[in-house]
Amino acid sequence: MTYKDNDKEALRKAKNAERMRRWRAENPLSPHQRAKEAERSRQWRKANPEKYKEQQNAWYAKNRERILAQVRAKKRRTVMDDGSVSYGDRKTTQAVRPQRSLE
């Protein structure tokens, strides 16, 4: 196979996959079919733990930037309890502690 043939094959598979996704969106699985598919997946993961781990690592690597951006956004939205840390355009605040007398 030449490079051009591989390219055509990849394009054909991508088009078929998109067509299948659209069809599946219009024709969702029944609860029974979903349960069978979930069980099949569980058995495959149990039988192929190293391949499953590779897939998980590949997915994480692919989505790492998006996940980290979500974490950073969440940190920006929350202020620590003592108020001493700020993120983004918020002003740094200091925790105010009442002064106790030494008596």
PDB file of N, CA and C in Angstrom:
ATOM      1  N   MET A   1       0.824  -1.185   0.000  1.00  0.00           N
ATOM      2  CA  MET A   1       0.000   0.000   0.000  1.00  0.00           C
ATOM      3  C   MET A   1       0.869   1.249   0.000  1.00  0.00           C
ATOM      4  N   THR A   2       0.499   2.198  -0.787  1.00  0.00           N
ATOM      5  CA  THR A   2       1.242   3.443  -0.816  1.00  0.00           C
ATOM      6  C   THR A   2       0.686   4.395   0.242  1.00  0.00           C
ATOM      7  N   TYR A   3       1.371   5.480   0.403  1.00  0.00           N
ATOM      8  CA  TYR A   3       0.946   6.487   1.367  1.00  0.00           C
ATOM      9  C   TYR A   3      -0.445   7.016   1.017  1.00  0.00           C
ATOM     10  N   LYS A   4      -0.681   7.192  -0.282  1.00  0.00           N
ATOM     11  CA  LYS A   4      -1.967   7.721  -0.731  1.00  0.00           C
ATOM     12  C   LYS A   4      -3.092   6.734  -0.413  1.00  0.00           C
ATOM     13  N   ASP A   5      -2.828   5.444  -0.571  1.00  0.00           N
ATOM     14  CA  ASP A   5      -3.830   4.436  -0.241  1.00  0.00           C
ATOM     15  C   ASP A   5      -4.141   4.454   1.257  1.00  0.00           C
ATOM     16  N   ASN A   6      -3.108   4.588   2.073  1.00  0.00           N
ATOM     17  CA  ASN A   6      -3.312   4.675   3.527  1.00  0.00           C
ATOM     18  C   ASN A   6      -4.142   5.898   3.889  1.00  0.00           C
ATOM     19  N   ASP A   7      -3.870   6.989   3.195  1.00  0.00           N
ATOM     20  CA  ASP A   7      -4.609   8.226   3.424  1.00  0.00           C
ATOM     21  C   ASP A   7      -6.083   8.046   3.085  1.00  0.00           C
ATOM     22  N   LYS A   8      -6.343   7.414   1.949  1.00  0.00           N
ATOM     23  CA  LYS A   8      -7.732   7.169   1.534  1.00  0.00           C
ATOM     24  C   LYS A   8      -8.435   6.245   2.524  1.00  0.00           C
ATOM     25  N   GLU A   9      -7.723   5.232   2.974  1.00  0.00           N
ATOM     26  CA  GLU A   9      -8.284   4.281   3.938  1.00  0.00           C
ATOM     27  C   GLU A   9      -8.630   4.987   5.241  1.00  0.00           C
ATOM     28  N   ALA A  10      -7.748   5.849   5.711  1.00  0.00           N
ATOM     29  CA  ALA A  10      -8.003   6.587   6.952  1.00  0.00           C
ATOM     30  C   ALA A  10      -9.202   7.520   6.796  1.00  0.00           C
ATOM     31  N   LEU A  11      -9.306   8.184   5.661  1.00  0.00           N
ATOM     32  CA  LEU A  11     -10.427   9.073   5.397  1.00  0.00           C
ATOM     33  C   LEU A  11     -11.743   8.291   5.351  1.00  0.00           C
ATOM     34  N   ARG A  12     -11.718   7.134   4.714  1.00  0.00           N
ATOM     35  CA  ARG A  12     -12.911   6.298   4.625  1.00  0.00           C
ATOM     36  C   ARG A  12     -13.363   5.855   6.015  1.00  0.00           C
ATOM     37  N   LYS A  13     -12.405   5.439   6.842  1.00  0.00           N
ATOM     38  CA  LYS A  13     -12.743   5.002   8.199  1.00  0.00           C
ATOM     39  C   LYS A  13     -13.284   6.164   9.032  1.00  0.00           C
ATOM     40  N   ALA A  14     -12.708   7.337   8.864  1.00  0.00           N
ATOM     41  CA  ALA A  14     -13.173   8.503   9.614  1.00  0.00           C
ATOM     42  C   ALA A  14     -14.606   8.868   9.219  1.00  0.00           C
ATOM     43  N   LYS A  15     -14.896   8.809   7.934  1.00  0.00           N
ATOM     44  CA  LYS A  15     -16.252   9.112   7.474  1.00  0.00           C
ATOM     45  C   LYS A  15     -17.255   8.088   8.006  1.00  0.00           C
ATOM     46  N   ASN A  16     -16.877   6.816   7.956  1.00  0.00           N
ATOM     47  CA  ASN A  16     -17.762   5.770   8.469  1.00  0.00           C
ATOM     48  C   ASN A  16     -17.997   5.925   9.969  1.00  0.00           C
ATOM     49  N   ALA A  17     -16.939   6.279  10.698  1.00  0.00           N
ATOM     50  CA  ALA A  17     -17.066   6.461  12.144  1.00  0.00           C
ATOM     51  C   ALA A  17     -18.008   7.628  12.445  1.00  0.00           C
ATOM     52  N   GLU A  18     -17.879   8.706  11.707  1.00  0.00           N
ATOM     53  CA  GLU A  18     -18.754   9.865  11.910  1.00  0.00           C
ATOM     54  C   GLU A  18     -20.210   9.511  11.593  1.00  0.00           C
ATOM     55  N   ARG A  19     -20.397   8.770  10.532  1.00  0.00           N
ATOM     56  CA  ARG A  19     -21.744   8.329  10.154  1.00  0.00           C
ATOM     57  C   ARG A  19     -22.348   7.449  11.253  1.00  0.00           C
ATOM     58  N   MET A  20     -21.515   6.564  11.810  1.00  0.00           N
ATOM     59  CA  MET A  20     -21.988   5.681  12.873  1.00  0.00           C
ATOM     60  C   MET A  20     -22.327   6.471  14.141  1.00  0.00           C
ATOM     61  N   ARG A  21     -21.501   7.481  14.474  1.00  0.00           N
ATOM     62  CA  ARG A  21     -21.790   8.306  15.648  1.00  0.00           C
ATOM     63  C   ARG A  21     -23.118   9.036  15.493  1.00  0.00           C
ATOM     64  N   ARG A  22     -23.354   9.590  14.305  1.00  0.00           N
ATOM     65  CA  ARG A  22     -24.632  10.272  14.055  1.00  0.00           C
ATOM     66  C   ARG A  22     -25.801   9.304  14.174  1.00  0.00           C
ATOM     67  N   TRP A  23     -25.643   8.107  13.581  1.00  0.00           N
ATOM     68  CA  TRP A  23     -26.705   7.112  13.625  1.00  0.00           C
ATOM     69  C   TRP A  23     -26.962   6.683  15.068  1.00  0.00           C
ATOM     70  N   ARG A  24     -25.884   6.463  15.836  1.00  0.00           N
ATOM     71  CA  ARG A  24     -26.034   6.018  17.225  1.00  0.00           C
ATOM     72  C   ARG A  24     -26.705   7.101  18.070  1.00  0.00           C
ATOM     73  N   ALA A  25     -26.440   8.377  17.758  1.00  0.00           N
ATOM     74  CA  ALA A  25     -27.081   9.472  18.490  1.00  0.00           C
ATOM     75  C   ALA A  25     -28.597   9.440  18.274  1.00  0.00           C
ATOM     76  N   GLU A  26     -29.012   9.071  17.083  1.00  0.00           N
ATOM     77  CA  GLU A  26     -30.448   8.991  16.779  1.00  0.00           C
ATOM     78  C   GLU A  26     -31.061   7.675  17.252  1.00  0.00           C
ATOM     79  N   ASN A  27     -30.249   6.642  17.421  1.00  0.00           N
ATOM     80  CA  ASN A  27     -30.736   5.317  17.805  1.00  0.00           C
ATOM     81  C   ASN A  27     -29.931   4.788  18.995  1.00  0.00           C
ATOM     82  N   PRO A  28     -30.192   5.317  20.191  1.00  0.00           N
ATOM     83  CA  PRO A  28     -29.391   4.888  21.346  1.00  0.00           C
ATOM     84  C   PRO A  28     -29.645   3.432  21.717  1.00  0.00           C
ATOM     85  N   LEU A  29     -28.659   2.861  22.422  1.00  0.00           N
ATOM     86  CA  LEU A  29     -28.783   1.477  22.871  1.00  0.00           C
ATOM     87  C   LEU A  29     -29.874   1.353  23.925  1.00  0.00           C
ATOM     88  N   SER A  30     -30.506   0.188  23.970  1.00  0.00           N
ATOM     89  CA  SER A  30     -31.483  -0.084  25.020  1.00  0.00           C
ATOM     90  C   SER A  30     -30.725  -0.351  26.320  1.00  0.00           C
ATOM     91  N   PRO A  31     -31.381  -0.275  27.463  1.00  0.00           N
ATOM     92  CA  PRO A  31     -30.696  -0.565  28.730  1.00  0.00           C
ATOM     93  C   PRO A  31     -30.065  -1.956  28.755  1.00  0.00           C
ATOM     94  N   HIS A  32     -30.762  -2.938  28.165  1.00  0.00           N
ATOM     95  CA  HIS A  32     -30.217  -4.297  28.114  1.00  0.00           C
ATOM     96  C   HIS A  32     -28.945  -4.336  27.266  1.00  0.00           C
ATOM     97  N   GLN A  33     -28.950  -3.673  26.126  1.00  0.00           N
ATOM     98  CA  GLN A  33     -27.773  -3.637  25.252  1.00  0.00           C
ATOM     99  C   GLN A  33     -26.615  -2.906  25.925  1.00  0.00           C
ATOM    100  N   ARG A  34     -26.938  -1.819  26.642  1.00  0.00           N
ATOM    101  CA  ARG A  34     -25.891  -1.085  27.361  1.00  0.00           C
ATOM    102  C   ARG A  34     -25.247  -1.962  28.417  1.00  0.00           C
ATOM    103  N   ALA A  35     -26.056  -2.735  29.122  1.00  0.00           N
ATOM    104  CA  ALA A  35     -25.530  -3.623  30.161  1.00  0.00           C
ATOM    105  C   ALA A  35     -24.619  -4.688  29.547  1.00  0.00           C
ATOM    106  N   LYS A  36     -25.032  -5.257  28.412  1.00  0.00           N
ATOM    107  CA  LYS A  36     -24.196  -6.258  27.737  1.00  0.00           C
ATOM    108  C   LYS A  36     -22.868  -5.651  27.290  1.00  0.00           C
ATOM    109  N   GLU A  37     -22.925  -4.437  26.754  1.00  0.00           N
ATOM    110  CA  GLU A  37     -21.710  -3.757  26.294  1.00  0.00           C
ATOM    111  C   GLU A  37     -20.787  -3.444  27.470  1.00  0.00           C
ATOM    112  N   ALA A  38     -21.356  -3.016  28.590  1.00  0.00           N
ATOM    113  CA  ALA A  38     -20.557  -2.715  29.767  1.00  0.00           C
ATOM    114  C   ALA A  38     -19.882  -3.982  30.293  1.00  0.00           C
ATOM    115  N   GLU A  39     -20.595  -5.080  30.306  1.00  0.00           N
ATOM    116  CA  GLU A  39     -20.023  -6.352  30.770  1.00  0.00           C
ATOM    117  C   GLU A  39     -18.898  -6.817  29.843  1.00  0.00           C
ATOM    118  N   ARG A  40     -19.113  -6.662  28.539  1.00  0.00           N
ATOM    119  CA  ARG A  40     -18.085  -7.033  27.565  1.00  0.00           C
ATOM    120  C   ARG A  40     -16.825  -6.195  27.792  1.00  0.00           C
ATOM    121  N   SER A  41     -17.009  -4.902  28.041  1.00  0.00           N
ATOM    122  CA  SER A  41     -15.871  -4.017  28.297  1.00  0.00           C
ATOM    123  C   SER A  41     -15.141  -4.416  29.573  1.00  0.00           C
ATOM    124  N   ARG A  42     -15.905  -4.712  30.630  1.00  0.00           N
ATOM    125  CA  ARG A  42     -15.294  -5.125  31.891  1.00  0.00           C
ATOM    126  C   ARG A  42     -14.450  -6.379  31.706  1.00  0.00           C
ATOM    127  N   GLN A  43     -14.977  -7.353  30.967  1.00  0.00           N
ATOM    128  CA  GLN A  43     -14.236  -8.596  30.740  1.00  0.00           C
ATOM    129  C   GLN A  43     -12.958  -8.329  29.952  1.00  0.00           C
ATOM    130  N   TRP A  44     -13.044  -7.448  28.951  1.00  0.00           N
ATOM    131  CA  TRP A  44     -11.853  -7.139  28.162  1.00  0.00           C
ATOM    132  C   TRP A  44     -10.802  -6.466  29.040  1.00  0.00           C
ATOM    133  N   ARG A  45     -11.226  -5.498  29.881  1.00  0.00           N
ATOM    134  CA  ARG A  45     -10.278  -4.815  30.765  1.00  0.00           C
ATOM    135  C   ARG A  45      -9.617  -5.789  31.724  1.00  0.00           C
ATOM    136  N   LYS A  46     -10.401  -6.748  32.209  1.00  0.00           N
ATOM    137  CA  LYS A  46      -9.853  -7.738  33.136  1.00  0.00           C
ATOM    138  C   LYS A  46      -8.863  -8.659  32.430  1.00  0.00           C
ATOM    139  N   ALA A  47      -9.140  -9.012  31.177  1.00  0.00           N
ATOM    140  CA  ALA A  47      -8.283  -9.916  30.419  1.00  0.00           C
ATOM    141  C   ALA A  47      -7.038  -9.224  29.862  1.00  0.00           C
ATOM    142  N   ASN A  48      -7.103  -7.899  29.661  1.00  0.00           N
ATOM    143  CA  ASN A  48      -5.997  -7.156  29.040  1.00  0.00           C
ATOM    144  C   ASN A  48      -5.611  -5.938  29.881  1.00  0.00           C
ATOM    145  N   PRO A  49      -5.134  -6.133  31.095  1.00  0.00           N
ATOM    146  CA  PRO A  49      -4.857  -4.976  31.953  1.00  0.00           C
ATOM    147  C   PRO A  49      -3.764  -4.049  31.411  1.00  0.00           C
ATOM    148  N   GLU A  50      -2.743  -4.617  30.751  1.00  0.00           N
ATOM    149  CA  GLU A  50      -1.673  -3.756  30.245  1.00  0.00           C
ATOM    150  C   GLU A  50      -2.146  -2.904  29.070  1.00  0.00           C
ATOM    151  N   LYS A  51      -2.950  -3.475  28.181  1.00  0.00           N
ATOM    152  CA  LYS A  51      -3.485  -2.688  27.066  1.00  0.00           C
ATOM    153  C   LYS A  51      -4.433  -1.609  27.578  1.00  0.00           C
ATOM    154  N   TYR A  52      -5.241  -1.960  28.581  1.00  0.00           N
ATOM    155  CA  TYR A  52      -6.173  -0.999  29.165  1.00  0.00           C
ATOM    156  C   TYR A  52      -5.397   0.168  29.782  1.00  0.00           C
ATOM    157  N   LYS A  53      -4.321  -0.150  30.490  1.00  0.00           N
ATOM    158  CA  LYS A  53      -3.501   0.893  31.116  1.00  0.00           C
ATOM    159  C   LYS A  53      -2.880   1.795  30.050  1.00  0.00           C
ATOM    160  N   GLU A  54      -2.414   1.203  28.949  1.00  0.00           N
ATOM    161  CA  GLU A  54      -1.856   1.999  27.852  1.00  0.00           C
ATOM    162  C   GLU A  54      -2.905   2.948  27.278  1.00  0.00           C
ATOM    163  N   GLN A  55      -4.126   2.437  27.094  1.00  0.00           N
ATOM    164  CA  GLN A  55      -5.205   3.279  26.569  1.00  0.00           C
ATOM    165  C   GLN A  55      -5.514   4.428  27.512  1.00  0.00           C
ATOM    166  N   GLN A  56      -5.556   4.134  28.806  1.00  0.00           N
ATOM    167  CA  GLN A  56      -5.841   5.170  29.787  1.00  0.00           C
ATOM    168  C   GLN A  56      -4.741   6.241  29.786  1.00  0.00           C
ATOM    169  N   ASN A  57      -3.494   5.804  29.721  1.00  0.00           N
ATOM    170  CA  ASN A  57      -2.380   6.752  29.688  1.00  0.00           C
ATOM    171  C   ASN A  57      -2.421   7.602  28.427  1.00  0.00           C
ATOM    172  N   ALA A  58      -2.751   6.993  27.291  1.00  0.00           N
ATOM    173  CA  ALA A  58      -2.836   7.739  26.038  1.00  0.00           C
ATOM    174  C   ALA A  58      -3.960   8.768  26.111  1.00  0.00           C
ATOM    175  N   TRP A  59      -5.098   8.373  26.671  1.00  0.00           N
ATOM    176  CA  TRP A  59      -6.221   9.302  26.799  1.00  0.00           C
ATOM    177  C   TRP A  59      -5.823  10.460  27.699  1.00  0.00           C
ATOM    178  N   TYR A  60      -5.169  10.150  28.823  1.00  0.00           N
ATOM    179  CA  TYR A  60      -4.781  11.193  29.758  1.00  0.00           C
ATOM    180  C   TYR A  60      -3.779  12.149  29.107  1.00  0.00           C
ATOM    181  N   ALA A  61      -2.803  11.605  28.391  1.00  0.00           N
ATOM    182  CA  ALA A  61      -1.811  12.451  27.728  1.00  0.00           C
ATOM    183  C   ALA A  61      -2.482  13.370  26.709  1.00  0.00           C
ATOM    184  N   LYS A  62      -3.465  12.832  25.994  1.00  0.00           N
ATOM    185  CA  LYS A  62      -4.168  13.609  24.978  1.00  0.00           C
ATOM    186  C   LYS A  62      -4.992  14.731  25.611  1.00  0.00           C
ATOM    187  N   ASN A  63      -5.578  14.470  26.761  1.00  0.00           N
ATOM    188  CA  ASN A  63      -6.478  15.430  27.398  1.00  0.00           C
ATOM    189  C   ASN A  63      -5.852  16.158  28.582  1.00  0.00           C
ATOM    190  N   ARG A  64      -4.554  15.981  28.770  1.00  0.00           N
ATOM    191  CA  ARG A  64      -3.877  16.530  29.947  1.00  0.00           C
ATOM    192  C   ARG A  64      -4.018  18.038  30.047  1.00  0.00           C
ATOM    193  N   GLU A  65      -3.814  18.752  28.959  1.00  0.00           N
ATOM    194  CA  GLU A  65      -3.894  20.213  28.992  1.00  0.00           C
ATOM    195  C   GLU A  65      -5.295  20.681  29.367  1.00  0.00           C
ATOM    196  N   ARG A  66      -6.308  20.030  28.819  1.00  0.00           N
ATOM    197  CA  ARG A  66      -7.686  20.408  29.134  1.00  0.00           C
ATOM    198  C   ARG A  66      -7.981  20.175  30.609  1.00  0.00           C
ATOM    199  N   ILE A  67      -7.535  19.040  31.131  1.00  0.00           N
ATOM    200  CA  ILE A  67      -7.760  18.705  32.537  1.00  0.00           C
ATOM    201  C   ILE A  67      -7.041  19.705  33.438  1.00  0.00           C
ATOM    202  N   LEU A  68      -5.779  20.015  33.115  1.00  0.00           N
ATOM    203  CA  LEU A  68      -5.020  20.970  33.924  1.00  0.00           C
ATOM    204  C   LEU A  68      -5.650  22.359  33.878  1.00  0.00           C
ATOM    205  N   ALA A  69      -6.189  22.753  32.723  1.00  0.00           N
ATOM    206  CA  ALA A  69      -6.856  24.053  32.621  1.00  0.00           C
ATOM    207  C   ALA A  69      -8.093  24.087  33.510  1.00  0.00           C
ATOM    208  N   GLN A  70      -8.826  22.981  33.575  1.00  0.00           N
ATOM    209  CA  GLN A  70     -10.003  22.916  34.452  1.00  0.00           C
ATOM    210  C   GLN A  70      -9.584  23.036  35.911  1.00  0.00           C
ATOM    211  N   VAL A  71      -8.488  22.380  36.283  1.00  0.00           N
ATOM    212  CA  VAL A  71      -7.999  22.443  37.665  1.00  0.00           C
ATOM    213  C   VAL A  71      -7.579  23.870  38.009  1.00  0.00           C
ATOM    214  N   ARG A  72      -6.857  24.522  37.081  1.00  0.00           N
ATOM    215  CA  ARG A  72      -6.429  25.899  37.328  1.00  0.00           C
ATOM    216  C   ARG A  72      -7.633  26.827  37.478  1.00  0.00           C
ATOM    217  N   ALA A  73      -8.654  26.639  36.634  1.00  0.00           N
ATOM    218  CA  ALA A  73      -9.854  27.468  36.722  1.00  0.00           C
ATOM    219  C   ALA A  73     -10.562  27.252  38.055  1.00  0.00           C
ATOM    220  N   LYS A  74     -10.606  26.025  38.506  1.00  0.00           N
ATOM    221  CA  LYS A  74     -11.248  25.725  39.787  1.00  0.00           C
ATOM    222  C   LYS A  74     -10.484  26.385  40.930  1.00  0.00           C
ATOM    223  N   LYS A  75      -9.156  26.362  40.870  1.00  0.00           N
ATOM    224  CA  LYS A  75      -8.349  27.009  41.907  1.00  0.00           C
ATOM    225  C   LYS A  75      -8.582  28.510  41.913  1.00  0.00           C
ATOM    226  N   ARG A  76      -8.733  29.099  40.729  1.00  0.00           N
ATOM    227  CA  ARG A  76      -8.977  30.539  40.661  1.00  0.00           C
ATOM    228  C   ARG A  76     -10.317  30.898  41.295  1.00  0.00           C
ATOM    229  N   ARG A  77     -11.301  30.024  41.178  1.00  0.00           N
ATOM    230  CA  ARG A  77     -12.628  30.305  41.716  1.00  0.00           C
ATOM    231  C   ARG A  77     -12.697  30.153  43.226  1.00  0.00           C
ATOM    232  N   THR A  78     -11.841  29.334  43.787  1.00  0.00           N
ATOM    233  CA  THR A  78     -11.909  29.105  45.229  1.00  0.00           C
ATOM    234  C   THR A  78     -10.819  29.888  45.941  1.00  0.00           C
ATOM    235  N   VAL A  79     -11.166  30.395  47.084  1.00  0.00           N
ATOM    236  CA  VAL A  79     -10.201  31.098  47.927  1.00  0.00           C
ATOM    237  C   VAL A  79     -10.003  30.235  49.147  1.00  0.00           C
ATOM    238  N   MET A  80      -8.774  30.112  49.566  1.00  0.00           N
ATOM    239  CA  MET A  80      -8.503  29.265  50.719  1.00  0.00           C
ATOM    240  C   MET A  80      -9.187  29.840  51.958  1.00  0.00           C
ATOM    241  N   ASP A  81      -9.457  28.993  52.923  1.00  0.00           N
ATOM    242  CA  ASP A  81     -10.206  29.383  54.116  1.00  0.00           C
ATOM    243  C   ASP A  81      -9.570  30.549  54.862  1.00  0.00           C
ATOM    244  N   ASP A  82      -8.253  30.567  54.958  1.00  0.00           N
ATOM    245  CA  ASP A  82      -7.620  31.642  55.711  1.00  0.00           C
ATOM    246  C   ASP A  82      -7.523  32.928  54.896  1.00  0.00           C
ATOM    247  N   GLY A  83      -7.888  32.876  53.624  1.00  0.00           N
ATOM    248  CA  GLY A  83      -7.903  34.074  52.799  1.00  0.00           C
ATOM    249  C   GLY A  83      -6.535  34.581  52.420  1.00  0.00           C
ATOM    250  N   SER A  84      -5.476  33.815  52.670  1.00  0.00           N
ATOM    251  CA  SER A  84      -4.133  34.317  52.435  1.00  0.00           C
ATOM    252  C   SER A  84      -3.646  34.099  51.010  1.00  0.00           C
ATOM    253  N   VAL A  85      -4.364  33.321  50.234  1.00  0.00           N
ATOM    254  CA  VAL A  85      -3.918  33.030  48.871  1.00  0.00           C
ATOM    255  C   VAL A  85      -4.923  33.618  47.902  1.00  0.00           C
ATOM    256  N   SER A  86      -4.431  34.233  46.856  1.00  0.00           N
ATOM    257  CA  SER A  86      -5.352  34.719  45.838  1.00  0.00           C
ATOM    258  C   SER A  86      -4.836  34.298  44.477  1.00  0.00           C
ATOM    259  N   TYR A  87      -5.740  34.180  43.536  1.00  0.00           N
ATOM    260  CA  TYR A  87      -5.399  33.783  42.181  1.00  0.00           C
ATOM    261  C   TYR A  87      -5.964  34.826  41.226  1.00  0.00           C
ATOM    262  N   GLY A  88      -5.333  34.971  40.089  1.00  0.00           N
ATOM    263  CA  GLY A  88      -5.868  35.848  39.062  1.00  0.00           C
ATOM    264  C   GLY A  88      -5.808  37.312  39.455  1.00  0.00           C
ATOM    265  N   ASP A  89      -6.920  38.031  39.234  1.00  0.00           N
ATOM    266  CA  ASP A  89      -6.931  39.470  39.460  1.00  0.00           C
ATOM    267  C   ASP A  89      -7.398  39.858  40.862  1.00  0.00           C
ATOM    268  N   ARG A  90      -7.617  38.912  41.740  1.00  0.00           N
ATOM    269  CA  ARG A  90      -8.044  39.224  43.101  1.00  0.00           C
ATOM    270  C   ARG A  90      -6.874  39.780  43.906  1.00  0.00           C
ATOM    271  N   LYS A  91      -7.186  40.668  44.817  1.00  0.00           N
ATOM    272  CA  LYS A  91      -6.136  41.222  45.678  1.00  0.00           C
ATOM    273  C   LYS A  91      -5.786  40.210  46.758  1.00  0.00           C
ATOM    274  N   THR A  92      -4.535  40.200  47.135  1.00  0.00           N
ATOM    275  CA  THR A  92      -4.099  39.305  48.200  1.00  0.00           C
ATOM    276  C   THR A  92      -4.682  39.795  49.510  1.00  0.00           C
ATOM    277  N   THR A  93      -5.254  38.878  50.262  1.00  0.00           N
ATOM    278  CA  THR A  93      -5.830  39.253  51.550  1.00  0.00           C
ATOM    279  C   THR A  93      -5.089  38.532  52.649  1.00  0.00           C
ATOM    280  N   GLN A  94      -5.105  39.127  53.804  1.00  0.00           N
ATOM    281  CA  GLN A  94      -4.478  38.503  54.961  1.00  0.00           C
ATOM    282  C   GLN A  94      -5.563  38.055  55.913  1.00  0.00           C
ATOM    283  N   ALA A  95      -5.326  36.961  56.573  1.00  0.00           N
ATOM    284  CA  ALA A  95      -6.278  36.482  57.550  1.00  0.00           C
ATOM    285  C   ALA A  95      -6.251  37.412  58.752  1.00  0.00           C
ATOM    286  N   VAL A  96      -7.393  37.766  59.231  1.00  0.00           N
ATOM    287  CA  VAL A  96      -7.478  38.646  60.381  1.00  0.00           C
ATOM    288  C   VAL A  96      -7.736  37.782  61.589  1.00  0.00           C
ATOM    289  N   ARG A  97      -6.792  37.833  62.542  1.00  0.00           N
ATOM    290  CA  ARG A  97      -6.936  37.034  63.747  1.00  0.00           C
ATOM    291  C   ARG A  97      -7.090  37.976  64.933  1.00  0.00           C
ATOM    292  N   PRO A  98      -8.038  37.697  65.783  1.00  0.00           N
ATOM    293  CA  PRO A  98      -8.208  38.581  66.933  1.00  0.00           C
ATOM    294  C   PRO A  98      -7.006  38.473  67.876  1.00  0.00           C
ATOM    295  N   GLN A  99      -6.614  39.600  68.422  1.00  0.00           N
ATOM    296  CA  GLN A  99      -5.497  39.622  69.346  1.00  0.00           C
ATOM    297  C   GLN A  99      -6.001  39.274  70.755  1.00  0.00           C
ATOM    298  N   ARG A 100      -5.393  38.319  71.390  1.00  0.00           N
ATOM    299  CA  ARG A 100      -5.782  37.948  72.738  1.00  0.00           C
ATOM    300  C   ARG A 100      -4.891  38.699  73.726  1.00  0.00           C
ATOM    301  N   SER A 101      -5.493  39.044  74.796  1.00  0.00           N
ATOM    302  CA  SER A 101      -4.680  39.696  75.824  1.00  0.00           C
ATOM    303  C   SER A 101      -3.910  38.620  76.584  1.00  0.00           C
ATOM    304  N   LEU A 102      -2.776  38.970  77.121  1.00  0.00           N
ATOM    305  CA  LEU A 102      -1.941  38.009  77.816  1.00  0.00           C
ATOM    306  C   LEU A 102      -2.319  37.852  79.301  1.00  0.00           C
ATOM    307  N   GLU A 103      -3.352  38.482  79.697  1.00  0.00           N
ATOM    308  CA  GLU A 103      -3.762  38.433  81.107  1.00  0.00           C
ATOM    309  C   GLU A 103      -4.398  37.145  81.480  1.00  0.00           C
TER     310      GLU A 103
END
